[in-house]
PDB file of N, CA and C in Angstrom:
ATOM      1  N   MET A   1     122.873 -93.954 -46.961  1.00  0.00           N
ATOM      2  CA  MET A   1     123.747 -94.759 -47.793  1.00  0.00           C
ATOM      3  C   MET A   1     124.587 -95.722 -46.954  1.00  0.00           C
ATOM      4  N   LYS A   2     124.773 -95.387 -45.689  1.00  0.00           N
ATOM      5  CA  LYS A   2     125.587 -96.270 -44.845  1.00  0.00           C
ATOM      6  C   LYS A   2     124.958 -97.654 -44.702  1.00  0.00           C
ATOM      7  N   ASN A   3     123.652 -97.742 -44.844  1.00  0.00           N
ATOM      8  CA  ASN A   3     123.005 -99.051 -44.747  1.00  0.00           C
ATOM      9  C   ASN A   3     123.416 -99.995 -45.862  1.00  0.00           C
ATOM     10  N   TRP A   4     124.017 -99.480 -46.930  1.00  0.00           N
ATOM     11  CA  TRP A   4     124.521-100.363 -47.989  1.00  0.00           C
ATOM     12  C   TRP A   4     125.603-101.288 -47.448  1.00  0.00           C
ATOM     13  N   MET A   5     126.199-100.958 -46.319  1.00  0.00           N
ATOM     14  CA  MET A   5     127.196-101.851 -45.725  1.00  0.00           C
ATOM     15  C   MET A   5     126.583-103.212 -45.405  1.00  0.00           C
ATOM     16  N   GLY A   6     125.285-103.263 -45.230  1.00  0.00           N
ATOM     17  CA  GLY A   6     124.602-104.514 -44.916  1.00  0.00           C
ATOM     18  C   GLY A   6     124.629-105.531 -46.048  1.00  0.00           C
ATOM     19  N   ILE A   7     124.895-105.089 -47.275  1.00  0.00           N
ATOM     20  CA  ILE A   7     124.937-106.025 -48.403  1.00  0.00           C
ATOM     21  C   ILE A   7     126.323-106.627 -48.599  1.00  0.00           C
ATOM     22  N   MET A   8     127.296-106.098 -47.879  1.00  0.00           N
ATOM     23  CA  MET A   8     128.678-106.557 -48.059  1.00  0.00           C
ATOM     24  C   MET A   8     128.953-107.806 -47.257  1.00  0.00           C
ATOM     25  N   GLY A   9     129.719-108.665 -47.829  1.00  0.00           N
ATOM     26  CA  GLY A   9     130.184-109.841 -47.102  1.00  0.00           C
ATOM     27  C   GLY A   9     131.605-109.611 -46.633  1.00  0.00           C
ATOM     28  N   GLY A  10     132.187-110.602 -46.060  1.00  0.00           N
ATOM     29  CA  GLY A  10     133.590-110.534 -45.661  1.00  0.00           C
ATOM     30  C   GLY A  10     133.857-109.516 -44.565  1.00  0.00           C
ATOM     31  N   SER A  11     135.048-108.955 -44.611  1.00  0.00           N
ATOM     32  CA  SER A  11     135.496-108.011 -43.587  1.00  0.00           C
ATOM     33  C   SER A  11     135.024-106.600 -43.921  1.00  0.00           C
ATOM     34  N   ARG A  12     133.878-106.234 -43.375  1.00  0.00           N
ATOM     35  CA  ARG A  12     133.340-104.897 -43.639  1.00  0.00           C
ATOM     36  C   ARG A  12     134.112-103.818 -42.903  1.00  0.00           C
ATOM     37  N   GLY A  13     134.900-104.205 -41.948  1.00  0.00           N
ATOM     38  CA  GLY A  13     135.668-103.231 -41.176  1.00  0.00           C
ATOM     39  C   GLY A  13     136.633-102.427 -42.018  1.00  0.00           C
ATOM     40  N   ARG A  14     137.102-103.004 -43.125  1.00  0.00           N
ATOM     41  CA  ARG A  14     138.067-102.300 -43.976  1.00  0.00           C
ATOM     42  C   ARG A  14     137.463-101.079 -44.655  1.00  0.00           C
ATOM     43  N   ILE A  15     136.167-101.074 -44.857  1.00  0.00           N
ATOM     44  CA  ILE A  15     135.534 -99.935 -45.515  1.00  0.00           C
ATOM     45  C   ILE A  15     135.652 -98.661 -44.674  1.00  0.00           C
ATOM     46  N   HIS A  16     135.826 -98.798 -43.372  1.00  0.00           N
ATOM     47  CA  HIS A  16     135.909 -97.637 -42.484  1.00  0.00           C
ATOM     48  C   HIS A  16     137.169 -96.807 -42.720  1.00  0.00           C
ATOM     49  N   GLN A  17     138.173 -97.361 -43.394  1.00  0.00           N
ATOM     50  CA  GLN A  17     139.395 -96.602 -43.647  1.00  0.00           C
ATOM     51  C   GLN A  17     139.138 -95.392 -44.544  1.00  0.00           C
ATOM     52  N   LYS A  18     138.254 -95.515 -45.502  1.00  0.00           N
ATOM     53  CA  LYS A  18     137.868 -94.420 -46.398  1.00  0.00           C
ATOM     54  C   LYS A  18     136.357 -94.482 -46.583  1.00  0.00           C
ATOM     55  N   ILE A  19     135.638 -94.407 -45.480  1.00  0.00           N
ATOM     56  CA  ILE A  19     134.209 -94.725 -45.484  1.00  0.00           C
ATOM     57  C   ILE A  19     133.385 -93.806 -46.376  1.00  0.00           C
ATOM     58  N   GLU A  20     133.675 -92.501 -46.388  1.00  0.00           N
ATOM     59  CA  GLU A  20     132.849 -91.576 -47.164  1.00  0.00           C
ATOM     60  C   GLU A  20     132.854 -91.949 -48.645  1.00  0.00           C
ATOM     61  N   GLY A  21     134.041 -92.065 -49.229  1.00  0.00           N
ATOM     62  CA  GLY A  21     134.165 -92.411 -50.639  1.00  0.00           C
ATOM     63  C   GLY A  21     133.711 -93.823 -50.929  1.00  0.00           C
ATOM     64  N   SER A  22     133.980 -94.735 -50.010  1.00  0.00           N
ATOM     65  CA  SER A  22     133.590 -96.127 -50.207  1.00  0.00           C
ATOM     66  C   SER A  22     132.069 -96.279 -50.242  1.00  0.00           C
ATOM     67  N   LEU A  23     131.368 -95.568 -49.365  1.00  0.00           N
ATOM     68  CA  LEU A  23     129.907 -95.640 -49.369  1.00  0.00           C
ATOM     69  C   LEU A  23     129.336 -95.031 -50.645  1.00  0.00           C
ATOM     70  N   ALA A  24     129.940 -93.956 -51.128  1.00  0.00           N
ATOM     71  CA  ALA A  24     129.496 -93.369 -52.399  1.00  0.00           C
ATOM     72  C   ALA A  24     129.731 -94.353 -53.544  1.00  0.00           C
ATOM     73  N   ASP A  25     130.853 -95.079 -53.501  1.00  0.00           N
ATOM     74  CA  ASP A  25     131.132 -96.081 -54.543  1.00  0.00           C
ATOM     75  C   ASP A  25     130.074 -97.177 -54.551  1.00  0.00           C
ATOM     76  N   VAL A  26     129.711 -97.668 -53.375  1.00  0.00           N
ATOM     77  CA  VAL A  26     128.676 -98.705 -53.286  1.00  0.00           C
ATOM     78  C   VAL A  26     127.342 -98.134 -53.761  1.00  0.00           C
ATOM     79  N   ALA A  27     127.051 -96.893 -53.386  1.00  0.00           N
ATOM     80  CA  ALA A  27     125.792 -96.265 -53.790  1.00  0.00           C
ATOM     81  C   ALA A  27     125.710 -96.074 -55.298  1.00  0.00           C
ATOM     82  N   MET A  28     126.847 -95.913 -55.969  1.00  0.00           N
ATOM     83  CA  MET A  28     126.836 -95.801 -57.429  1.00  0.00           C
ATOM     84  C   MET A  28     126.436 -97.120 -58.075  1.00  0.00           C
ATOM     85  N   PHE A  29     126.789 -98.209 -57.428  1.00  0.00           N
ATOM     86  CA  PHE A  29     126.465 -99.536 -57.949  1.00  0.00           C
ATOM     87  C   PHE A  29     124.999 -99.879 -57.696  1.00  0.00           C
ATOM     88  N   MET A  30     124.521 -99.579 -56.506  1.00  0.00           N
ATOM     89  CA  MET A  30     123.137 -99.864 -56.131  1.00  0.00           C
ATOM     90  C   MET A  30     122.267 -98.703 -56.594  1.00  0.00           C
ATOM     91  N   LYS A  31     121.235 -98.992 -57.302  1.00  0.00           N
ATOM     92  CA  LYS A  31     120.350 -97.952 -57.823  1.00  0.00           C
ATOM     93  C   LYS A  31     118.934 -98.156 -57.255  1.00  0.00           C
ATOM     94  N   PRO A  32     118.696 -97.734 -56.021  1.00  0.00           N
ATOM     95  CA  PRO A  32     117.387 -97.960 -55.409  1.00  0.00           C
ATOM     96  C   PRO A  32     116.310 -97.086 -56.051  1.00  0.00           C
ATOM     97  N   THR A  33     115.098 -97.598 -56.099  1.00  0.00           N
ATOM     98  CA  THR A  33     113.973 -96.809 -56.591  1.00  0.00           C
ATOM     99  C   THR A  33     113.168 -96.216 -55.445  1.00  0.00           C
ATOM    100  N   LEU A  34     113.374 -96.738 -54.248  1.00  0.00           N
ATOM    101  CA  LEU A  34     112.719 -96.205 -53.057  1.00  0.00           C
ATOM    102  C   LEU A  34     113.640 -96.403 -51.868  1.00  0.00           C
ATOM    103  N   ILE A  35     113.824 -95.344 -51.098  1.00  0.00           N
ATOM    104  CA  ILE A  35     114.661 -95.399 -49.900  1.00  0.00           C
ATOM    105  C   ILE A  35     113.760 -95.132 -48.698  1.00  0.00           C
ATOM    106  N   ILE A  36     113.840 -95.988 -47.702  1.00  0.00           N
ATOM    107  CA  ILE A  36     113.068 -95.829 -46.463  1.00  0.00           C
ATOM    108  C   ILE A  36     114.053 -95.660 -45.311  1.00  0.00           C
ATOM    109  N   LEU A  37     113.881 -94.606 -44.548  1.00  0.00           N
ATOM    110  CA  LEU A  37     114.696 -94.367 -43.362  1.00  0.00           C
ATOM    111  C   LEU A  37     113.777 -94.513 -42.152  1.00  0.00           C
ATOM    112  N   ASP A  38     114.067 -95.472 -41.308  1.00  0.00           N
ATOM    113  CA  ASP A  38     113.282 -95.730 -40.112  1.00  0.00           C
ATOM    114  C   ASP A  38     113.866 -94.922 -38.962  1.00  0.00           C
ATOM    115  N   ALA A  39     113.137 -93.899 -38.555  1.00  0.00           N
ATOM    116  CA  ALA A  39     113.566 -93.077 -37.423  1.00  0.00           C
ATOM    117  C   ALA A  39     112.479 -93.055 -36.358  1.00  0.00           C
ATOM    118  N   VAL A  40     111.829 -94.205 -36.182  1.00  0.00           N
ATOM    119  CA  VAL A  40     110.841 -94.301 -35.115  1.00  0.00           C
ATOM    120  C   VAL A  40     111.556 -94.085 -33.785  1.00  0.00           C
ATOM    121  N   ARG A  41     112.676 -94.774 -33.630  1.00  0.00           N
ATOM    122  CA  ARG A  41     113.558 -94.567 -32.474  1.00  0.00           C
ATOM    123  C   ARG A  41     114.969 -94.437 -33.028  1.00  0.00           C
ATOM    124  N   ILE A  42     115.733 -93.465 -32.540  1.00  0.00           N
ATOM    125  CA  ILE A  42     117.125 -93.307 -32.991  1.00  0.00           C
ATOM    126  C   ILE A  42     118.069 -93.353 -31.796  1.00  0.00           C
ATOM    127  N   LEU A  43     119.230 -93.932 -32.026  1.00  0.00           N
ATOM    128  CA  LEU A  43     120.268 -93.989 -31.000  1.00  0.00           C
ATOM    129  C   LEU A  43     121.096 -92.720 -31.114  1.00  0.00           C
ATOM    130  N   ILE A  44     121.035 -91.868 -30.109  1.00  0.00           N
ATOM    131  CA  ILE A  44     121.687 -90.571 -30.185  1.00  0.00           C
ATOM    132  C   ILE A  44     123.038 -90.521 -29.480  1.00  0.00           C
ATOM    133  N   ASP A  45     123.399 -91.583 -28.785  1.00  0.00           N
ATOM    134  CA  ASP A  45     124.680 -91.598 -28.074  1.00  0.00           C
ATOM    135  C   ASP A  45     125.120 -93.037 -27.840  1.00  0.00           C
ATOM    136  N   ASN A  46     126.417 -93.249 -27.739  1.00  0.00           N
ATOM    137  CA  ASN A  46     127.023 -94.539 -27.393  1.00  0.00           C
ATOM    138  C   ASN A  46     126.728 -95.656 -28.390  1.00  0.00           C
ATOM    139  N   GLY A  47     126.548 -95.321 -29.646  1.00  0.00           N
ATOM    140  CA  GLY A  47     126.272 -96.344 -30.659  1.00  0.00           C
ATOM    141  C   GLY A  47     127.537 -96.845 -31.312  1.00  0.00           C
ATOM    142  N   PRO A  48     127.479 -97.870 -32.110  1.00  0.00           N
ATOM    143  CA  PRO A  48     126.257 -98.602 -32.421  1.00  0.00           C
ATOM    144  C   PRO A  48     126.020 -99.805 -31.523  1.00  0.00           C
ATOM    145  N   GLN A  49     126.994-100.188 -30.698  1.00  0.00           N
ATOM    146  CA  GLN A  49     126.840-101.427 -29.942  1.00  0.00           C
ATOM    147  C   GLN A  49     126.512-101.212 -28.484  1.00  0.00           C
ATOM    148  N   GLY A  50     126.870-100.075 -27.958  1.00  0.00           N
ATOM    149  CA  GLY A  50     126.675 -99.852 -26.527  1.00  0.00           C
ATOM    150  C   GLY A  50     125.434 -99.049 -26.254  1.00  0.00           C
ATOM    151  N   GLY A  51     125.448 -98.396 -25.155  1.00  0.00           N
ATOM    152  CA  GLY A  51     124.345 -97.517 -24.832  1.00  0.00           C
ATOM    153  C   GLY A  51     123.283 -98.161 -23.981  1.00  0.00           C
ATOM    154  N   SER A  52     122.315 -97.335 -23.655  1.00  0.00           N
ATOM    155  CA  SER A  52     121.187 -97.783 -22.845  1.00  0.00           C
ATOM    156  C   SER A  52     119.932 -97.107 -23.389  1.00  0.00           C
ATOM    157  N   LEU A  53     118.808 -97.415 -22.819  1.00  0.00           N
ATOM    158  CA  LEU A  53     117.564 -96.810 -23.280  1.00  0.00           C
ATOM    159  C   LEU A  53     117.571 -95.294 -23.147  1.00  0.00           C
ATOM    160  N   SER A  54     118.367 -94.760 -22.225  1.00  0.00           N
ATOM    161  CA  SER A  54     118.442 -93.305 -22.093  1.00  0.00           C
ATOM    162  C   SER A  54     119.150 -92.664 -23.288  1.00  0.00           C
ATOM    163  N   ASP A  55     119.837 -93.479 -24.102  1.00  0.00           N
ATOM    164  CA  ASP A  55     120.507 -92.989 -25.304  1.00  0.00           C
ATOM    165  C   ASP A  55     119.597 -93.021 -26.529  1.00  0.00           C
ATOM    166  N   VAL A  56     118.366 -93.452 -26.359  1.00  0.00           N
ATOM    167  CA  VAL A  56     117.417 -93.592 -27.462  1.00  0.00           C
ATOM    168  C   VAL A  56     116.423 -92.437 -27.414  1.00  0.00           C
ATOM    169  N   LYS A  57     116.163 -91.866 -28.588  1.00  0.00           N
ATOM    170  CA  LYS A  57     115.177 -90.794 -28.716  1.00  0.00           C
ATOM    171  C   LYS A  57     114.040 -91.306 -29.592  1.00  0.00           C
ATOM    172  N   GLN A  58     112.824 -91.165 -29.118  1.00  0.00           N
ATOM    173  CA  GLN A  58     111.651 -91.617 -29.861  1.00  0.00           C
ATOM    174  C   GLN A  58     111.176 -90.469 -30.747  1.00  0.00           C
ATOM    175  N   LEU A  59     111.248 -90.659 -32.079  1.00  0.00           N
ATOM    176  CA  LEU A  59     110.823 -89.636 -33.021  1.00  0.00           C
ATOM    177  C   LEU A  59     109.540 -89.998 -33.759  1.00  0.00           C
ATOM    178  N   ASN A  60     109.223 -91.288 -33.800  1.00  0.00           N
ATOM    179  CA  ASN A  60     108.041 -91.752 -34.534  1.00  0.00           C
ATOM    180  C   ASN A  60     108.009 -91.173 -35.949  1.00  0.00           C
ATOM    181  N   THR A  61     109.132 -91.289 -36.640  1.00  0.00           N
ATOM    182  CA  THR A  61     109.299 -90.710 -37.969  1.00  0.00           C
ATOM    183  C   THR A  61     109.765 -91.766 -38.955  1.00  0.00           C
ATOM    184  N   ILE A  62     109.161 -91.749 -40.130  1.00  0.00           N
ATOM    185  CA  ILE A  62     109.591 -92.564 -41.252  1.00  0.00           C
ATOM    186  C   ILE A  62     109.847 -91.594 -42.398  1.00  0.00           C
ATOM    187  N   VAL A  63     110.971 -91.747 -43.072  1.00  0.00           N
ATOM    188  CA  VAL A  63     111.314 -90.902 -44.212  1.00  0.00           C
ATOM    189  C   VAL A  63     111.364 -91.800 -45.438  1.00  0.00           C
ATOM    190  N   ALA A  64     110.737 -91.350 -46.507  1.00  0.00           N
ATOM    191  CA  ALA A  64     110.755 -92.113 -47.757  1.00  0.00           C
ATOM    192  C   ALA A  64     111.094 -91.163 -48.900  1.00  0.00           C
ATOM    193  N   GLY A  65     111.841 -91.672 -49.870  1.00  0.00           N
ATOM    194  CA  GLY A  65     112.193 -90.846 -51.009  1.00  0.00           C
ATOM    195  C   GLY A  65     112.855 -91.645 -52.107  1.00  0.00           C
ATOM    196  N   LYS A  66     113.111 -90.982 -53.214  1.00  0.00           N
ATOM    197  CA  LYS A  66     113.764 -91.603 -54.360  1.00  0.00           C
ATOM    198  C   LYS A  66     115.244 -91.245 -54.442  1.00  0.00           C
ATOM    199  N   ASP A  67     115.662 -90.258 -53.680  1.00  0.00           N
ATOM    200  CA  ASP A  67     117.024 -89.732 -53.734  1.00  0.00           C
ATOM    201  C   ASP A  67     117.762 -90.134 -52.453  1.00  0.00           C
ATOM    202  N   GLN A  68     118.702 -91.083 -52.584  1.00  0.00           N
ATOM    203  CA  GLN A  68     119.367 -91.591 -51.382  1.00  0.00           C
ATOM    204  C   GLN A  68     120.218 -90.536 -50.686  1.00  0.00           C
ATOM    205  N   VAL A  69     120.758 -89.592 -51.413  1.00  0.00           N
ATOM    206  CA  VAL A  69     121.543 -88.515 -50.795  1.00  0.00           C
ATOM    207  C   VAL A  69     120.620 -87.588 -50.009  1.00  0.00           C
ATOM    208  N   ALA A  70     119.488 -87.207 -50.606  1.00  0.00           N
ATOM    209  CA  ALA A  70     118.538 -86.325 -49.926  1.00  0.00           C
ATOM    210  C   ALA A  70     117.958 -86.987 -48.675  1.00  0.00           C
ATOM    211  N   VAL A  71     117.642 -88.274 -48.757  1.00  0.00           N
ATOM    212  CA  VAL A  71     117.108 -88.977 -47.586  1.00  0.00           C
ATOM    213  C   VAL A  71     118.142 -88.990 -46.461  1.00  0.00           C
ATOM    214  N   ASP A  72     119.400 -89.265 -46.788  1.00  0.00           N
ATOM    215  CA  ASP A  72     120.441 -89.246 -45.759  1.00  0.00           C
ATOM    216  C   ASP A  72     120.675 -87.832 -45.228  1.00  0.00           C
ATOM    217  N   ALA A  73     120.586 -86.825 -46.111  1.00  0.00           N
ATOM    218  CA  ALA A  73     120.740 -85.434 -45.665  1.00  0.00           C
ATOM    219  C   ALA A  73     119.611 -85.065 -44.706  1.00  0.00           C
ATOM    220  N   PHE A  74     118.406 -85.516 -45.021  1.00  0.00           N
ATOM    221  CA  PHE A  74     117.286 -85.269 -44.104  1.00  0.00           C
ATOM    222  C   PHE A  74     117.508 -86.018 -42.791  1.00  0.00           C
ATOM    223  N   GLY A  75     117.985 -87.246 -42.892  1.00  0.00           N
ATOM    224  CA  GLY A  75     118.276 -88.019 -41.684  1.00  0.00           C
ATOM    225  C   GLY A  75     119.257 -87.303 -40.761  1.00  0.00           C
ATOM    226  N   ALA A  76     120.212 -86.606 -41.343  1.00  0.00           N
ATOM    227  CA  ALA A  76     121.177 -85.848 -40.533  1.00  0.00           C
ATOM    228  C   ALA A  76     120.472 -84.803 -39.686  1.00  0.00           C
ATOM    229  N   THR A  77     119.394 -84.203 -40.224  1.00  0.00           N
ATOM    230  CA  THR A  77     118.679 -83.167 -39.467  1.00  0.00           C
ATOM    231  C   THR A  77     118.028 -83.729 -38.213  1.00  0.00           C
ATOM    232  N   LEU A  78     117.735 -85.016 -38.221  1.00  0.00           N
ATOM    233  CA  LEU A  78     117.127 -85.636 -37.045  1.00  0.00           C
ATOM    234  C   LEU A  78     118.092 -85.684 -35.865  1.00  0.00           C
ATOM    235  N   PHE A  79     119.375 -85.518 -36.169  1.00  0.00           N
ATOM    236  CA  PHE A  79     120.414 -85.487 -35.140  1.00  0.00           C
ATOM    237  C   PHE A  79     120.941 -84.071 -34.922  1.00  0.00           C
ATOM    238  N   GLY A  80     120.265 -83.082 -35.500  1.00  0.00           N
ATOM    239  CA  GLY A  80     120.699 -81.697 -35.354  1.00  0.00           C
ATOM    240  C   GLY A  80     121.857 -81.327 -36.264  1.00  0.00           C
ATOM    241  N   LEU A  81     122.095 -82.121 -37.304  1.00  0.00           N
ATOM    242  CA  LEU A  81     123.189 -81.867 -38.241  1.00  0.00           C
ATOM    243  C   LEU A  81     122.621 -81.466 -39.596  1.00  0.00           C
ATOM    244  N   LYS A  82     123.514 -81.159 -40.521  1.00  0.00           N
ATOM    245  CA  LYS A  82     123.145 -80.894 -41.907  1.00  0.00           C
ATOM    246  C   LYS A  82     123.856 -81.915 -42.775  1.00  0.00           C
ATOM    247  N   GLY A  83     123.330 -82.142 -43.970  1.00  0.00           N
ATOM    248  CA  GLY A  83     123.949 -83.086 -44.890  1.00  0.00           C
ATOM    249  C   GLY A  83     125.421 -82.794 -45.122  1.00  0.00           C
ATOM    250  N   LYS A  84     125.779 -81.511 -45.165  1.00  0.00           N
ATOM    251  CA  LYS A  84     127.173 -81.135 -45.401  1.00  0.00           C
ATOM    252  C   LYS A  84     128.095 -81.572 -44.260  1.00  0.00           C
ATOM    253  N   ASN A  85     127.518 -81.961 -43.116  1.00  0.00           N
ATOM    254  CA  ASN A  85     128.304 -82.447 -41.977  1.00  0.00           C
ATOM    255  C   ASN A  85     128.605 -83.941 -42.063  1.00  0.00           C
ATOM    256  N   ILE A  86     127.996 -84.645 -43.031  1.00  0.00           N
ATOM    257  CA  ILE A  86     128.136 -86.094 -43.151  1.00  0.00           C
ATOM    258  C   ILE A  86     128.952 -86.404 -44.402  1.00  0.00           C
ATOM    259  N   GLY A  87     130.124 -86.978 -44.208  1.00  0.00           N
ATOM    260  CA  GLY A  87     131.048 -87.215 -45.314  1.00  0.00           C
ATOM    261  C   GLY A  87     130.466 -88.021 -46.449  1.00  0.00           C
ATOM    262  N   SER A  88     129.674 -89.051 -46.144  1.00  0.00           N
ATOM    263  CA  SER A  88     129.110 -89.880 -47.213  1.00  0.00           C
ATOM    264  C   SER A  88     128.054 -89.118 -48.007  1.00  0.00           C
ATOM    265  N   VAL A  89     127.336 -88.207 -47.368  1.00  0.00           N
ATOM    266  CA  VAL A  89     126.348 -87.381 -48.072  1.00  0.00           C
ATOM    267  C   VAL A  89     127.069 -86.446 -49.041  1.00  0.00           C
ATOM    268  N   VAL A  90     128.137 -85.816 -48.569  1.00  0.00           N
ATOM    269  CA  VAL A  90     128.925 -84.922 -49.427  1.00  0.00           C
ATOM    270  C   VAL A  90     129.522 -85.706 -50.595  1.00  0.00           C
ATOM    271  N   ALA A  91     130.096 -86.871 -50.304  1.00  0.00           N
ATOM    272  CA  ALA A  91     130.701 -87.695 -51.365  1.00  0.00           C
ATOM    273  C   ALA A  91     129.648 -88.154 -52.364  1.00  0.00           C
ATOM    274  N   GLY A  92     128.477 -88.546 -51.897  1.00  0.00           N
ATOM    275  CA  GLY A  92     127.394 -88.966 -52.785  1.00  0.00           C
ATOM    276  C   GLY A  92     126.915 -87.820 -53.660  1.00  0.00           C
ATOM    277  N   HIS A  93     126.805 -86.639 -53.081  1.00  0.00           N
ATOM    278  CA  HIS A  93     126.399 -85.455 -53.839  1.00  0.00           C
ATOM    279  C   HIS A  93     127.442 -85.124 -54.919  1.00  0.00           C
ATOM    280  N   LYS A  94     128.710 -85.130 -54.527  1.00  0.00           N
ATOM    281  CA  LYS A  94     129.790 -84.840 -55.479  1.00  0.00           C
ATOM    282  C   LYS A  94     129.845 -85.866 -56.604  1.00  0.00           C
ATOM    283  N   ALA A  95     129.452 -87.098 -56.306  1.00  0.00           N
ATOM    284  CA  ALA A  95     129.458 -88.161 -57.319  1.00  0.00           C
ATOM    285  C   ALA A  95     128.218 -88.111 -58.209  1.00  0.00           C
ATOM    286  N   GLY A  96     127.320 -87.158 -57.939  1.00  0.00           N
ATOM    287  CA  GLY A  96     126.126 -87.023 -58.754  1.00  0.00           C
ATOM    288  C   GLY A  96     125.014 -87.992 -58.411  1.00  0.00           C
ATOM    289  N   LEU A  97     125.037 -88.522 -57.202  1.00  0.00           N
ATOM    290  CA  LEU A  97     124.040 -89.515 -56.794  1.00  0.00           C
ATOM    291  C   LEU A  97     122.771 -88.900 -56.234  1.00  0.00           C
ATOM    292  N   GLY A  98     122.785 -87.613 -55.977  1.00  0.00           N
ATOM    293  CA  GLY A  98     121.604 -86.976 -55.424  1.00  0.00           C
ATOM    294  C   GLY A  98     121.899 -85.584 -54.917  1.00  0.00           C
ATOM    295  N   VAL A  99     120.899 -85.006 -54.278  1.00  0.00           N
ATOM    296  CA  VAL A  99     120.937 -83.627 -53.804  1.00  0.00           C
ATOM    297  C   VAL A  99     121.073 -83.611 -52.291  1.00  0.00           C
ATOM    298  N   MET A 100     122.042 -82.847 -51.798  1.00  0.00           N
ATOM    299  CA  MET A 100     122.175 -82.756 -50.344  1.00  0.00           C
ATOM    300  C   MET A 100     121.564 -81.471 -49.792  1.00  0.00           C
ATOM    301  N   ASP A 101     121.272 -80.508 -50.653  1.00  0.00           N
ATOM    302  CA  ASP A 101     120.659 -79.247 -50.238  1.00  0.00           C
ATOM    303  C   ASP A 101     119.149 -79.454 -50.164  1.00  0.00           C
ATOM    304  N   LEU A 102     118.640 -79.559 -48.947  1.00  0.00           N
ATOM    305  CA  LEU A 102     117.222 -79.876 -48.760  1.00  0.00           C
ATOM    306  C   LEU A 102     116.289 -78.769 -49.230  1.00  0.00           C
ATOM    307  N   SER A 103     116.801 -77.563 -49.424  1.00  0.00           N
ATOM    308  CA  SER A 103     115.951 -76.491 -49.957  1.00  0.00           C
ATOM    309  C   SER A 103     115.621 -76.740 -51.428  1.00  0.00           C
ATOM    310  N   LYS A 104     116.306 -77.690 -52.045  1.00  0.00           N
ATOM    311  CA  LYS A 104     116.088 -77.993 -53.459  1.00  0.00           C
ATOM    312  C   LYS A 104     115.246 -79.243 -53.682  1.00  0.00           C
ATOM    313  N   VAL A 105     114.731 -79.817 -52.610  1.00  0.00           N
ATOM    314  CA  VAL A 105     113.878 -81.002 -52.746  1.00  0.00           C
ATOM    315  C   VAL A 105     112.515 -80.715 -52.122  1.00  0.00           C
ATOM    316  N   LYS A 106     111.519 -81.392 -52.622  1.00  0.00           N
ATOM    317  CA  LYS A 106     110.171 -81.250 -52.079  1.00  0.00           C
ATOM    318  C   LYS A 106     110.037 -82.195 -50.885  1.00  0.00           C
ATOM    319  N   ILE A 107     109.692 -81.634 -49.757  1.00  0.00           N
ATOM    320  CA  ILE A 107     109.496 -82.434 -48.545  1.00  0.00           C
ATOM    321  C   ILE A 107     108.027 -82.308 -48.158  1.00  0.00           C
ATOM    322  N   LYS A 108     107.375 -83.432 -48.066  1.00  0.00           N
ATOM    323  CA  LYS A 108     105.964 -83.456 -47.682  1.00  0.00           C
ATOM    324  C   LYS A 108     105.845 -84.193 -46.354  1.00  0.00           C
ATOM    325  N   ARG A 109     105.279 -83.547 -45.390  1.00  0.00           N
ATOM    326  CA  ARG A 109     105.100 -84.151 -44.068  1.00  0.00           C
ATOM    327  C   ARG A 109     103.658 -84.635 -43.922  1.00  0.00           C
ATOM    328  N   ILE A 110     103.534 -85.867 -43.461  1.00  0.00           N
ATOM    329  CA  ILE A 110     102.220 -86.482 -43.290  1.00  0.00           C
ATOM    330  C   ILE A 110     102.114 -86.996 -41.861  1.00  0.00           C
ATOM    331  N   SER A 111     101.073 -86.626 -41.175  1.00  0.00           N
ATOM    332  CA  SER A 111     100.823 -87.155 -39.825  1.00  0.00           C
ATOM    333  C   SER A 111      99.807 -88.264 -39.929  1.00  0.00           C
ATOM    334  N   VAL A 112     100.076 -89.357 -39.225  1.00  0.00           N
ATOM    335  CA  VAL A 112      99.139 -90.483 -39.214  1.00  0.00           C
ATOM    336  C   VAL A 112      98.703 -90.781 -37.798  1.00  0.00           C
TER     337      VAL A 112
END
């Protein structure tokens, strides 16, 4: 859901003051039918502007789904976290935007 910040104009820095609730608010307005999470390479340290190639982990993973909360909750696992550790995932779940408990969603893994 944090990628919704890309649709905002003006001073996006202000959203960081209450980012969890603000991202859930934007997600309520945007109703995606397909969510794609690109995790081919992820920045695991010193982000989002700094870092070096040693801070990048190659996962060669793409996540797709219809539930933006579940996709973000799954994305958290790629960093060794759970959806409940990410404020915007919790806020989105509480707002009824999706499921953060991955045991309640069907996950299909495909190797190409």
